[in-house]
């Protein structure tokens, strides 16, 4: 298993919007769960299937069928396949791409992400994690791509667009995004040296959902108190 970046793509909705959350959550344990363990097992199975390796994993009933949806999609792309590769924007922002495919004839680069969760559908529209993975894949592999397509494969969670959902980015747009991403990283560095985080904490629905520091965030507490006043004492300031 690879190490986890403090500024991970999966948490970009939080740290790009709320740089102070990185400081506030420093040292807090990120506990595993049976759902995370199940996802890890599904990824191990997918890796072995794509690599055509024999395996004897003790998997829950039905997992193979779900994982096969992801495997079939990746194989359908053809091209040059890279499995479970570390991709990085810089030393702070990196992650592991489940599958990367390069189609030389179309100059198209693909990165696929297996999501095994069944509870919350992952959208591809305006998904910062996907966009960062697309950029990181482009920068890491250096293929002369015209486009990068990032795909979510979420076979266990019903969605009107089906289990395979993609967003395609023009390379020029990803390079513009690169500058925005580096600005966000710089704001996190500012937060690390700040004596007061008030102006560096920005609560948001997406960002706060999985934030480890949410229970002790003063901005969330103030927001909750304000809402409580509006509901129970609307006349009070």
Protein backbone atom coordinates (compact mmCIF):
# COMPACT_ATOMS: atom_id res chain seq x y z
CA UNK A 1 0.00 0.00 0.00
CA UNK A 2 1.18 3.50 -0.81
CA UNK A 3 1.53 6.30 1.70
CA UNK A 4 -1.16 8.96 1.88
CA UNK A 5 -0.53 12.58 1.00
CA UNK A 6 -1.66 15.19 3.50
CA UNK A 7 -3.03 17.08 0.50
CA UNK A 8 -4.61 14.05 -1.09
CA UNK A 9 -6.79 14.30 -4.21
CA UNK A 10 -9.64 12.58 -2.36
CA UNK A 11 -9.72 15.41 0.21
CA UNK A 12 -9.33 18.26 -2.29
CA UNK A 13 -12.90 19.48 -1.76
CA UNK A 14 -11.78 20.26 1.79
CA UNK A 15 -8.22 21.57 1.66
CA UNK A 16 -8.56 23.59 -1.57
CA UNK A 17 -11.53 25.46 -0.09
CA UNK A 18 -10.56 25.40 3.59
CA UNK A 19 -6.75 25.49 4.02
CA UNK A 20 -7.05 25.91 7.77
CA UNK A 21 -8.61 22.45 8.07
CA UNK A 22 -5.22 20.88 7.30
CA UNK A 23 -3.73 22.53 10.39
CA UNK A 24 -6.78 21.91 12.56
CA UNK A 25 -6.81 18.17 11.78
CA UNK A 26 -3.05 17.67 12.24
CA UNK A 27 -2.34 14.59 14.36
CA UNK A 28 -5.94 13.39 14.47
CA UNK A 29 -6.26 9.63 13.79
CA UNK A 30 -7.87 8.58 10.53
CA UNK A 31 -9.46 5.32 11.57
CA UNK A 32 -10.22 2.55 9.12
CA UNK A 33 -13.65 0.96 8.81
CA UNK A 34 -15.15 -2.22 7.46
CA UNK A 35 -16.21 -0.25 4.38
CA UNK A 36 -12.66 0.97 3.75
CA UNK A 37 -11.33 -2.55 4.29
CA UNK A 38 -13.88 -3.89 1.82
CA UNK A 39 -12.80 -1.28 -0.73
CA UNK A 40 -9.17 -2.25 -0.26
CA UNK A 41 -10.02 -5.90 -0.90
CA UNK A 42 -11.96 -4.97 -4.05
CA UNK A 43 -8.96 -3.01 -5.35
CA UNK A 44 -6.64 -5.93 -4.68
CA UNK A 45 -8.93 -8.21 -6.66
CA UNK A 46 -9.21 -5.71 -9.53
CA UNK A 47 -5.43 -5.34 -9.71
CA UNK A 48 -4.92 -9.10 -9.97
CA UNK A 49 -7.65 -9.51 -12.57
CA UNK A 50 -6.21 -6.76 -14.77
CA UNK A 51 -2.72 -8.23 -14.39
CA UNK A 52 -4.16 -11.69 -15.13
CA UNK A 53 -2.67 -13.06 -11.93
CA UNK A 54 -4.12 -15.99 -10.01
CA UNK A 55 -5.46 -15.12 -6.55
CA UNK A 56 -7.12 -16.79 -3.58
CA UNK A 57 -8.67 -13.82 -1.82
CA UNK A 58 -11.46 -14.47 0.66
CA UNK A 59 -14.07 -12.13 -0.80
CA UNK A 60 -17.75 -11.53 0.04
CA UNK A 61 -20.30 -13.07 -2.27
CA UNK A 62 -20.99 -10.91 -5.30
CA UNK A 63 -17.78 -8.87 -5.07
CA UNK A 64 -16.29 -10.50 -8.15
CA UNK A 65 -19.28 -9.50 -10.29
CA UNK A 66 -19.03 -5.88 -9.15
CA UNK A 67 -15.27 -5.69 -9.65
CA UNK A 68 -15.66 -7.24 -13.08
CA UNK A 69 -17.61 -4.15 -14.21
CA UNK A 70 -14.51 -2.06 -13.57
CA UNK A 71 -12.16 -4.60 -15.12
CA UNK A 72 -14.28 -4.88 -18.27
CA UNK A 73 -14.32 -1.09 -18.68
CA UNK A 74 -10.56 -0.77 -18.35
CA UNK A 75 -9.92 -3.61 -20.77
CA UNK A 76 -12.34 -2.10 -23.29
CA UNK A 77 -10.06 0.93 -23.64
CA UNK A 78 -7.22 -1.11 -25.16
CA UNK A 79 -3.95 0.82 -25.43
CA UNK A 80 -1.03 0.70 -23.00
CA UNK A 81 -2.16 -0.24 -19.51
CA UNK A 82 -0.58 0.84 -16.20
CA UNK A 83 -2.04 -0.66 -13.01
CA UNK A 84 -1.93 0.91 -9.53
CA UNK A 85 0.61 3.60 -10.35
CA UNK A 86 1.56 6.53 -8.15
CA UNK A 87 0.79 9.83 -9.87
CA UNK A 88 1.83 13.22 -8.56
CA UNK A 89 1.35 16.92 -9.19
CA UNK A 90 4.18 17.71 -6.79
CA UNK A 91 5.61 16.48 -3.46
CA UNK A 92 2.47 17.50 -1.57
CA UNK A 93 -0.26 16.37 -3.96
CA UNK A 94 -0.18 12.77 -5.13
CA UNK A 95 -2.10 9.52 -5.07
CA UNK A 96 -2.44 6.11 -6.67
CA UNK A 97 -4.21 5.78 -10.00
CA UNK A 98 -6.12 2.50 -10.11
CA UNK A 99 -5.64 2.17 -13.87
CA UNK A 100 -4.09 4.38 -16.54
CA UNK A 101 -4.50 3.71 -20.27
CA UNK A 102 -2.67 5.47 -23.10
CA UNK A 103 -4.17 5.37 -26.61
CA UNK A 104 -1.36 6.53 -28.89
CA UNK A 105 -3.45 6.60 -32.08
CA UNK A 106 -6.01 9.01 -30.61
CA UNK A 107 -3.54 10.75 -28.26
CA UNK A 108 -6.02 10.14 -25.48
CA UNK A 109 -5.05 9.39 -21.88
CA UNK A 110 -7.45 7.64 -19.50
CA UNK A 111 -7.43 7.22 -15.73
CA UNK A 112 -10.01 4.99 -14.07
CA UNK A 113 -10.98 5.02 -10.39
CA UNK A 114 -12.83 2.10 -8.79
CA UNK A 115 -15.29 3.26 -6.13
CA UNK A 116 -16.74 0.33 -4.21
CA UNK A 117 -19.02 2.33 -1.91
CA UNK A 118 -22.73 1.57 -2.13
CA UNK A 119 -24.18 4.42 -0.11
CA UNK A 120 -23.31 7.74 -1.76
CA UNK A 121 -23.05 8.08 -5.56
CA UNK A 122 -19.89 9.85 -6.69
CA UNK A 123 -20.54 12.51 -9.34
CA UNK A 124 -18.03 13.29 -12.07
CA UNK A 125 -19.23 16.84 -12.72
CA UNK A 126 -17.05 19.44 -10.95
CA UNK A 127 -15.21 16.65 -9.12
CA UNK A 128 -11.89 18.07 -7.90
CA UNK A 129 -10.47 14.64 -7.09
CA UNK A 130 -11.00 13.46 -10.66
CA UNK A 131 -9.50 16.62 -12.10
CA UNK A 132 -6.41 16.33 -9.90
CA UNK A 133 -5.94 12.70 -10.90
CA UNK A 134 -6.26 13.70 -14.56
CA UNK A 135 -3.61 16.41 -14.10
CA UNK A 136 -1.32 14.20 -12.01
CA UNK A 137 -1.53 11.39 -14.58
CA UNK A 138 -0.71 13.80 -17.40
CA UNK A 139 2.31 15.21 -15.53
CA UNK A 140 3.58 11.85 -14.28
CA UNK A 141 3.51 9.87 -17.50
CA UNK A 142 4.34 12.66 -19.92
CA UNK A 143 2.39 11.19 -22.81
CA UNK A 144 1.69 13.74 -25.63
CA UNK A 145 -2.03 13.69 -24.92
CA UNK A 146 -4.66 16.03 -26.31
CA UNK A 147 -7.26 14.97 -23.75
CA UNK A 148 -7.39 13.19 -20.42
CA UNK A 149 -10.53 11.27 -19.50
CA UNK A 150 -11.09 10.49 -15.83
CA UNK A 151 -13.66 7.82 -15.03
CA UNK A 152 -15.49 6.73 -11.91
CA UNK A 153 -16.61 3.10 -11.88
CA UNK A 154 -19.05 2.60 -9.01
CA UNK A 155 -20.83 -0.70 -9.62
CA UNK A 156 -22.70 -1.06 -6.33
CA UNK A 157 -24.40 2.34 -6.14
CA UNK A 158 -27.35 3.07 -8.45
CA UNK A 159 -26.99 6.18 -10.62
CA UNK A 160 -29.06 7.53 -13.49
CA UNK A 161 -25.92 7.62 -15.67
CA UNK A 162 -24.98 4.03 -14.87
CA UNK A 163 -21.98 2.60 -12.99
CA UNK A 164 -19.35 4.02 -15.41
CA UNK A 165 -19.20 7.83 -15.53
CA UNK A 166 -16.51 9.96 -17.14
CA UNK A 167 -15.27 13.54 -17.48
CA UNK A 168 -12.94 14.51 -20.32
CA UNK A 169 -10.53 17.42 -19.94
CA UNK A 170 -8.59 19.29 -22.60
CA UNK A 171 -4.89 19.44 -21.72
CA UNK A 172 -4.86 23.25 -21.90
CA UNK A 173 -7.65 23.37 -19.28
CA UNK A 174 -5.72 21.02 -17.00
CA UNK A 175 -2.66 23.25 -17.23
CA UNK A 176 -4.79 26.25 -16.21
CA UNK A 177 -6.11 24.19 -13.30
CA UNK A 178 -2.52 23.37 -12.37
CA UNK A 179 -1.94 27.04 -11.52
CA UNK A 180 -5.11 27.13 -9.37
CA UNK A 181 -4.02 23.98 -7.57
CA UNK A 182 -0.60 25.40 -6.76
CA UNK A 183 -2.30 28.53 -5.38
CA UNK A 184 -4.36 26.29 -3.08
CA UNK A 185 -1.22 24.49 -1.91
CA UNK A 186 0.36 27.86 -1.16
CA UNK A 187 -2.67 28.84 0.97
CA UNK A 188 -2.21 25.67 3.01
CA UNK A 189 1.42 26.67 3.64
CA UNK A 190 0.20 30.08 4.81
CA UNK A 191 -2.23 28.37 7.17
CA UNK A 192 0.57 26.27 8.67
CA UNK A 193 2.39 29.41 9.72
CA UNK A 194 -0.65 31.40 10.81
CA UNK A 195 -1.27 32.29 14.44
CA UNK A 196 -5.00 32.69 13.82
CA UNK A 197 -6.99 30.43 11.49
CA UNK A 198 -10.23 32.42 11.47
CA UNK A 199 -9.79 33.68 7.92
CA UNK A 200 -8.49 30.32 6.70
CA UNK A 201 -11.43 28.15 7.75
CA UNK A 202 -14.22 27.96 5.19
CA UNK A 203 -16.97 25.41 5.93
CA UNK A 204 -18.66 23.74 2.95
CA UNK A 205 -21.04 20.83 2.52
CA UNK A 206 -18.57 18.70 0.57
CA UNK A 207 -15.51 19.72 2.54
CA UNK A 208 -16.89 19.23 6.03
CA UNK A 209 -18.54 15.85 5.40
CA UNK A 210 -15.39 13.80 6.04
CA UNK A 211 -13.24 16.40 7.83
CA UNK A 212 -11.54 14.96 10.92
CA UNK A 213 -11.46 18.39 12.53
CA UNK A 214 -15.19 19.06 12.11
CA UNK A 215 -16.02 18.34 15.79
CA UNK A 216 -13.63 21.04 16.99
CA UNK A 217 -13.94 23.57 14.14
CA UNK A 218 -14.86 27.03 15.53
CA UNK A 219 -16.40 28.12 12.21
CA UNK A 220 -18.74 25.11 12.17
CA UNK A 221 -19.65 25.75 15.80
CA UNK A 222 -20.46 29.40 15.04
CA UNK A 223 -22.50 28.35 12.01
CA UNK A 224 -24.48 25.86 14.08
CA UNK A 225 -25.16 28.47 16.76
CA UNK A 226 -26.37 30.95 14.15
CA UNK A 227 -28.73 28.39 12.64
CA UNK A 228 -30.04 27.47 16.08
CA UNK A 229 -30.86 31.13 16.80
CA UNK A 230 -32.71 31.43 13.50
CA UNK A 231 -34.80 28.36 14.25
CA UNK A 232 -35.51 28.76 17.96
CA UNK A 233 -35.19 32.53 18.51
CA UNK A 234 -35.55 34.28 15.12
CA UNK A 235 -35.90 37.72 16.72
CA UNK A 236 -32.52 37.62 18.48
CA UNK A 237 -29.38 39.07 16.84
